[in-house]
Amino acid sequence: MSLRQAGTAGQVALAALTTVLCLLGIELAFRVVDPPTRAQPVRDTESNELWLVEGVPLWRQRQDVRTRVDQPCRDSNPQALDVVGLGSSILHGVGVDPAQTWAPILRDILAEQGVEACVHNLSAPAYGAAQKQHLLRESLPALPAIRVVIWEVWGTDVMDYRMLGSMAWRMSDLVVDAEGYPNPLALPSPLNRQLFQRSAAWRYTILGLTPAQERPVHDWDSVLAGPVSEAHRVARDNDATLLLLVMPPLDRPFATTADDPKDKLRMRFQAWAEARADQGVVLLSLAELLRDEDVEALRLDPCCHYNADGQRRIAEVLAPAVLDALQPPSR
């Protein structure tokens, strides 16, 4: 090999090494910074627990008393009735101390009325209908006296999460391949899968390039026929009541939502609930229950989350329906 050839080979090797180091640097930067992507994953971390129930991903904060059965209450009150709340970040009470959320407050209100009950807040941020369904299913052995099941009705019910590698992803609004991965470059599926699972930089880039579905599938009929119907069966098996609590947006007065004849969330569930009114199903509109309240005084943000005062009011306006449901069964 001539000196010129050796020099050229050395330049090629140097360029290749530089490219590799640059790619490694970019990958490291993405892992350290972890910028938000169009589809945020749910990971198993030191602070967040991720597990599967019959293939459905569930998650919760490891040190949070929420998203689990209130076992201390059950252990100290063997005769207590069980009230179960199934929801997303709204009923979970993001940004609010657990002690100031609706569940412990409702428990105290019931106690003041002479009703011994444990109120279990089985809610977590971003939970969809499948998560509510399967956490209820997993929790049943620890709930010997269910009398009320509260189902938070919100847009997250149609969110579909699936495991892609070691993380849970919601890809229902994006165009994905047969394996459920975004693949806008039409790479062979095994290669695309490995790159997506192993490279943070690749995930960020590909998610940015992936087109959204023109008409995302929001299958409310399946939500009612599957998860909500299962919650209803659980309630009926325990001679309990299913309370469907329709949550309002918080960017407008409660009365505006309550008086809206085209409130889509309420409309989707109303006919289903009315057809089962004699089977222990009750539909409640939180907008109606709070119609005279100042929305800005109760909200944490203009989306849907409540501050501590809002969480307290949720408990207070829920209490009459819960107390009625806890009366001796007549059906």
Protein backbone atom coordinates (compact mmCIF):
# COMPACT_ATOMS: atom_id res chain seq x y z
CA MET A 1 0.00 0.00 0.00
CA SER A 2 1.39 3.36 -1.00
CA LEU A 3 1.66 6.27 1.41
CA ARG A 4 -1.14 7.99 -0.49
CA GLN A 5 -3.39 4.96 -0.20
CA ALA A 6 -2.54 4.60 3.48
CA GLY A 7 -3.36 8.25 4.03
CA THR A 8 -6.70 7.88 2.26
CA ALA A 9 -7.54 4.77 4.30
CA GLY A 10 -6.63 6.62 7.47
CA GLN A 11 -8.89 9.51 6.51
CA VAL A 12 -11.76 7.10 5.83
CA ALA A 13 -11.20 5.39 9.17
CA LEU A 14 -11.05 8.74 10.95
CA ALA A 15 -14.23 9.88 9.24
CA ALA A 16 -15.96 6.64 10.19
CA LEU A 17 -14.80 6.94 13.80
CA THR A 18 -15.93 10.56 13.92
CA THR A 19 -19.34 9.59 12.54
CA VAL A 20 -19.71 6.80 15.11
CA LEU A 21 -18.68 9.11 17.95
CA CYS A 22 -21.11 11.77 16.75
CA LEU A 23 -23.94 9.23 16.60
CA LEU A 24 -23.06 7.95 20.07
CA GLY A 25 -22.96 11.53 21.33
CA ILE A 26 -26.37 12.26 19.84
CA GLU A 27 -27.79 9.07 21.33
CA LEU A 28 -26.35 9.90 24.75
CA ALA A 29 -27.76 13.43 24.56
CA PHE A 30 -31.24 12.12 23.79
CA ARG A 31 -31.05 9.66 26.67
CA VAL A 32 -29.92 12.33 29.13
CA VAL A 33 -32.25 15.13 28.00
CA ASP A 34 -35.16 12.78 27.20
CA PRO A 35 -37.14 15.37 25.21
CA PRO A 36 -40.90 14.89 24.93
CA THR A 37 -42.09 13.03 21.85
CA ARG A 38 -45.44 12.89 20.10
CA ALA A 39 -46.26 9.64 21.89
CA GLN A 40 -44.98 9.67 25.45
CA PRO A 41 -43.95 6.26 26.81
CA VAL A 42 -44.68 4.81 30.23
CA ARG A 43 -41.52 3.33 31.72
CA ASP A 44 -40.69 1.12 34.67
CA THR A 45 -38.36 3.26 36.80
CA GLU A 46 -37.28 3.72 40.39
CA SER A 47 -40.30 5.94 40.96
CA ASN A 48 -42.80 4.43 38.52
CA GLU A 49 -44.01 0.82 38.46
CA LEU A 50 -45.09 -0.71 35.15
CA TRP A 51 -46.63 -4.17 34.98
CA LEU A 52 -48.97 -6.26 32.84
CA VAL A 53 -52.34 -7.81 33.60
CA GLU A 54 -53.38 -10.20 30.84
CA GLY A 55 -51.16 -8.31 28.42
CA VAL A 56 -52.56 -4.87 29.29
CA PRO A 57 -49.99 -2.40 30.69
CA LEU A 58 -50.75 -0.76 34.05
CA TRP A 59 -48.67 1.78 35.93
CA ARG A 60 -48.52 3.72 39.17
CA GLN A 61 -46.13 5.75 41.28
CA ARG A 62 -44.36 3.38 43.65
CA GLN A 63 -44.60 5.61 46.73
CA ASP A 64 -48.11 6.94 46.08
CA VAL A 65 -50.99 5.58 48.15
CA ARG A 66 -53.27 5.98 45.12
CA THR A 67 -53.79 3.52 42.25
CA ARG A 68 -54.05 0.68 44.74
CA VAL A 69 -56.48 -0.77 47.25
CA ASP A 70 -56.52 1.09 50.57
CA GLN A 71 -55.35 -1.97 52.47
CA PRO A 72 -54.81 -0.18 55.81
CA CYS A 73 -58.49 0.80 55.78
CA ARG A 74 -59.56 -2.75 54.94
CA ASP A 75 -57.34 -4.23 57.66
CA SER A 76 -58.59 -1.84 60.34
CA ASN A 77 -62.26 -1.98 59.28
CA PRO A 78 -63.18 -5.59 58.44
CA GLN A 79 -66.88 -4.72 58.26
CA ALA A 80 -66.41 -1.68 56.02
CA LEU A 81 -68.07 -1.40 52.63
CA ASP A 82 -65.94 -0.76 49.55
CA VAL A 83 -66.32 2.25 47.25
CA VAL A 84 -64.06 2.01 44.18
CA GLY A 85 -63.09 4.91 41.93
CA LEU A 86 -61.71 4.15 38.47
CA GLY A 87 -60.23 7.11 36.65
CA SER A 88 -57.38 8.92 34.98
CA SER A 89 -55.35 11.88 36.23
CA ILE A 90 -58.56 13.75 37.11
CA LEU A 91 -59.73 11.41 39.86
CA HIS A 92 -56.14 10.51 40.67
CA GLY A 93 -55.71 14.12 41.72
CA VAL A 94 -52.48 15.18 40.01
CA GLY A 95 -50.79 18.12 41.69
CA VAL A 96 -52.72 17.59 44.91
CA ASP A 97 -51.56 15.89 48.09
CA PRO A 98 -53.22 12.45 48.30
CA ALA A 99 -54.78 13.36 51.66
CA GLN A 100 -56.57 16.29 49.97
CA THR A 101 -58.06 14.29 47.12
CA TRP A 102 -61.69 13.22 46.84
CA ALA A 103 -61.30 9.65 48.15
CA PRO A 104 -60.22 10.26 51.78
CA ILE A 105 -62.57 13.24 51.97
CA LEU A 106 -65.48 11.12 50.77
CA ARG A 107 -64.58 8.47 53.32
CA ASP A 108 -64.76 11.09 56.11
CA ILE A 109 -68.12 12.38 54.84
CA LEU A 110 -69.53 8.85 54.84
CA ALA A 111 -68.20 8.27 58.36
CA GLU A 112 -69.93 11.44 59.53
CA GLN A 113 -73.16 9.93 58.21
CA GLY A 114 -72.56 6.73 60.15
CA VAL A 115 -71.41 4.68 57.15
CA GLU A 116 -68.20 2.70 57.58
CA ALA A 117 -66.58 2.52 54.14
CA CYS A 118 -63.18 2.27 52.50
CA VAL A 119 -62.83 4.45 49.41
CA HIS A 120 -60.25 3.11 46.97
CA ASN A 121 -58.86 5.53 44.38
CA LEU A 122 -57.80 3.15 41.59
CA SER A 123 -56.86 5.96 39.23
CA ALA A 124 -53.65 6.99 37.50
CA PRO A 125 -52.58 9.62 34.97
CA ALA A 126 -53.42 8.70 31.36
CA TYR A 127 -55.41 5.60 32.31
CA GLY A 128 -57.74 4.47 29.56
CA ALA A 129 -60.72 2.16 29.80
CA ALA A 130 -58.55 -0.96 29.48
CA GLN A 131 -56.36 0.14 32.39
CA LYS A 132 -59.39 0.81 34.59
CA GLN A 133 -60.89 -2.55 33.64
CA HIS A 134 -57.79 -4.59 34.37
CA LEU A 135 -56.82 -2.81 37.57
CA LEU A 136 -60.33 -3.47 38.86
CA ARG A 137 -60.00 -7.10 37.79
CA GLU A 138 -56.65 -7.46 39.58
CA SER A 139 -57.92 -5.72 42.72
CA LEU A 140 -61.12 -7.74 43.19
CA PRO A 141 -59.67 -10.32 45.64
CA ALA A 142 -58.81 -7.47 48.04
CA LEU A 143 -62.29 -5.93 47.80
CA PRO A 144 -64.71 -8.16 49.73
CA ALA A 145 -67.60 -5.70 50.04
CA ILE A 146 -67.96 -3.64 46.86
CA ARG A 147 -71.09 -1.50 46.97
CA VAL A 148 -70.20 1.36 44.61
CA VAL A 149 -68.03 1.49 41.48
CA ILE A 150 -67.36 5.03 40.22
CA TRP A 151 -66.26 5.21 36.58
CA GLU A 152 -64.73 8.52 35.48
CA VAL A 153 -66.01 9.25 31.97
CA TRP A 154 -63.34 11.19 30.08
CA GLY A 155 -61.59 11.24 26.71
CA THR A 156 -58.76 9.02 27.94
CA ASP A 157 -61.18 6.07 27.91
CA VAL A 158 -60.42 5.49 24.21
CA MET A 159 -56.64 5.66 24.64
CA ASP A 160 -55.04 2.39 23.58
CA TYR A 161 -51.70 1.50 25.17
CA ARG A 162 -49.55 -1.44 24.17
CA MET A 163 -46.13 -2.74 25.09
CA LEU A 164 -43.42 -2.02 22.52
CA GLY A 165 -40.30 -3.51 23.99
CA SER A 166 -40.02 -2.61 27.67
CA MET A 167 -42.26 0.48 27.52
CA ALA A 168 -45.98 1.13 27.12
CA TRP A 169 -46.89 3.44 24.24
CA ARG A 170 -50.08 5.05 22.99
CA MET A 171 -49.89 4.99 19.20
CA SER A 172 -53.61 5.00 18.41
CA ASP A 173 -53.48 8.43 16.71
CA LEU A 174 -50.44 7.63 14.52
CA VAL A 175 -49.92 5.51 11.41
CA VAL A 176 -48.14 2.33 12.52
CA ASP A 177 -47.05 -0.93 10.93
CA ALA A 178 -48.49 -4.39 11.52
CA GLU A 179 -46.46 -4.75 14.72
CA GLY A 180 -47.73 -1.45 16.12
CA TYR A 181 -44.51 0.52 15.51
CA PRO A 182 -44.21 3.83 13.65
CA ASN A 183 -42.31 3.09 10.46
CA PRO A 184 -42.51 6.04 8.03
CA LEU A 185 -39.33 4.95 6.20
CA ALA A 186 -40.81 1.50 5.48
CA LEU A 187 -37.82 -0.34 6.94
CA PRO A 188 -37.98 -4.11 7.34
CA SER A 189 -40.05 -4.71 10.48
CA PRO A 190 -37.32 -6.54 12.48
CA LEU A 191 -34.83 -3.71 11.86
CA ASN A 192 -37.35 -0.99 12.62
CA ARG A 193 -38.40 -2.80 15.81
CA GLN A 194 -34.82 -3.12 17.06
CA LEU A 195 -33.97 0.50 16.29
CA PHE A 196 -37.13 1.75 18.00
CA GLN A 197 -36.59 -0.33 21.12
CA ARG A 198 -32.87 0.41 21.49
CA SER A 199 -32.30 3.99 20.30
CA ALA A 200 -33.79 7.09 21.95
CA ALA A 201 -32.57 9.27 19.07
CA TRP A 202 -34.23 6.98 16.53
CA ARG A 203 -37.52 6.97 18.45
CA TYR A 204 -37.58 10.75 18.64
CA THR A 205 -36.77 11.17 14.94
CA ILE A 206 -39.19 8.53 13.68
CA LEU A 207 -42.05 9.75 15.85
CA GLY A 208 -41.49 13.22 14.45
CA LEU A 209 -41.72 11.89 10.90
CA THR A 210 -44.69 9.59 11.44
CA PRO A 211 -47.95 10.99 10.02
CA ALA A 212 -51.08 11.12 12.12
CA GLN A 213 -54.06 9.05 11.10
CA GLU A 214 -56.50 11.05 9.03
CA ARG A 215 -59.37 9.69 11.10
CA PRO A 216 -58.14 8.21 14.39
CA VAL A 217 -60.25 5.33 15.64
CA HIS A 218 -61.98 6.37 18.86
CA ASP A 219 -64.12 3.32 19.46
CA TRP A 220 -66.55 4.33 22.19
CA ASP A 221 -68.87 1.42 21.38
CA SER A 222 -66.08 -1.01 22.31
CA VAL A 223 -65.40 0.93 25.52
CA LEU A 224 -69.03 0.51 26.54
CA ALA A 225 -69.32 -3.09 25.36
CA GLY A 226 -66.04 -4.16 26.99
CA PRO A 227 -64.51 -2.35 29.98
CA VAL A 228 -67.59 -0.43 31.14
CA SER A 229 -69.80 -3.49 30.80
CA GLU A 230 -67.32 -5.51 32.84
CA ALA A 231 -67.39 -2.88 35.58
CA HIS A 232 -71.17 -3.14 35.46
CA ARG A 233 -71.00 -6.94 35.81
CA VAL A 234 -68.72 -6.58 38.82
CA ALA A 235 -71.21 -4.17 40.35
CA ARG A 236 -74.17 -6.46 39.67
CA ASP A 237 -72.34 -9.51 41.04
CA ASN A 238 -71.89 -7.57 44.29
CA ASP A 239 -75.37 -6.02 44.29
CA ALA A 240 -73.59 -2.71 43.89
CA THR A 241 -74.16 0.48 41.92
CA LEU A 242 -72.14 1.68 38.93
CA LEU A 243 -71.86 5.47 38.97
CA LEU A 244 -70.79 6.91 35.62
CA LEU A 245 -69.28 10.30 36.44
CA VAL A 246 -69.02 12.48 33.32
CA MET A 247 -66.18 14.97 33.76
CA PRO A 248 -66.40 18.46 32.20
CA PRO A 249 -63.68 20.52 30.51
CA LEU A 250 -62.53 23.34 32.77
CA ASP A 251 -62.02 26.04 30.14
CA ARG A 252 -65.64 27.21 30.42
CA PRO A 253 -68.29 27.63 33.14
CA PHE A 254 -69.80 24.44 34.50
CA ALA A 255 -73.28 25.65 33.55
CA THR A 256 -72.22 26.02 29.91
CA THR A 257 -71.27 22.34 29.74
CA ALA A 258 -74.29 21.24 31.78
CA ASP A 259 -76.67 23.02 29.40
CA ASP A 260 -74.94 21.89 26.21
CA PRO A 261 -77.32 19.48 24.43
CA LYS A 262 -74.40 18.25 22.32
CA ASP A 263 -72.08 17.34 25.20
CA LYS A 264 -70.45 14.39 23.44
CA LEU A 265 -69.21 12.58 26.53
CA ARG A 266 -72.61 12.66 28.20
CA MET A 267 -74.40 11.70 24.98
CA ARG A 268 -72.18 8.65 24.43
CA PHE A 269 -73.02 7.19 27.83
CA GLN A 270 -76.53 8.48 28.48
CA ALA A 271 -78.50 6.03 26.34
CA TRP A 272 -76.40 3.11 27.63
CA ALA A 273 -76.99 4.17 31.23
CA GLU A 274 -80.71 4.82 30.79
CA ALA A 275 -81.19 1.34 29.33
CA ARG A 276 -79.68 -0.09 32.53
CA ALA A 277 -81.15 2.27 35.09
CA ASP A 278 -83.03 -0.62 36.71
CA GLN A 279 -79.76 -2.59 36.89
CA GLY A 280 -77.88 -0.27 39.23
CA VAL A 281 -76.40 2.16 36.68
CA VAL A 282 -76.51 5.88 37.47
CA LEU A 283 -75.17 8.62 35.19
CA LEU A 284 -73.92 11.76 36.94
CA SER A 285 -72.77 14.95 35.22
CA LEU A 286 -70.16 16.71 37.34
CA ALA A 287 -70.88 19.88 35.37
CA GLU A 288 -74.49 19.71 36.54
CA LEU A 289 -73.50 18.96 40.13
CA LEU A 290 -71.15 21.97 40.10
CA ARG A 291 -73.17 24.26 37.82
CA ASP A 292 -73.25 27.16 40.30
CA GLU A 293 -69.56 26.94 41.20
CA ASP A 294 -66.77 29.22 39.96
CA VAL A 295 -64.75 26.97 37.66
CA GLU A 296 -61.59 29.05 38.03
CA ALA A 297 -61.69 28.69 41.81
CA LEU A 298 -61.73 24.89 41.57
CA ARG A 299 -59.44 24.12 38.67
CA LEU A 300 -55.74 23.39 38.58
CA ASP A 301 -55.57 24.06 34.83
CA PRO A 302 -57.97 24.87 31.96
CA CYS A 303 -58.01 21.26 30.83
CA CYS A 304 -59.63 19.04 33.38
CA HIS A 305 -57.67 18.86 36.65
CA TYR A 306 -58.88 20.12 40.01
CA ASN A 307 -57.03 21.84 42.83
CA ALA A 308 -57.53 20.85 46.47
CA ASP A 309 -60.78 22.83 46.73
CA GLY A 310 -62.02 21.19 43.55
CA GLN A 311 -61.17 17.72 44.85
CA ARG A 312 -63.08 18.51 48.05
CA ARG A 313 -66.12 19.64 46.05
CA ILE A 314 -66.02 16.46 43.97
CA ALA A 315 -66.26 14.43 47.18
CA GLU A 316 -69.05 16.60 48.56
CA VAL A 317 -71.27 16.48 45.47
CA LEU A 318 -70.63 12.75 45.01
CA ALA A 319 -71.57 11.94 48.59
CA PRO A 320 -75.40 11.96 48.21
CA ALA A 321 -75.31 9.50 45.29
CA VAL A 322 -72.81 7.27 47.09
CA LEU A 323 -74.83 7.34 50.31
CA ASP A 324 -77.95 6.40 48.36
CA ALA A 325 -76.11 3.52 46.72
CA LEU A 326 -74.87 2.28 50.10
CA GLN A 327 -78.38 1.86 51.43
CA PRO A 328 -79.64 -1.73 51.84
CA PRO A 329 -80.28 -3.14 48.34
CA SER A 330 -83.82 -3.11 47.07
CA ARG A 331 -83.29 -4.63 43.64
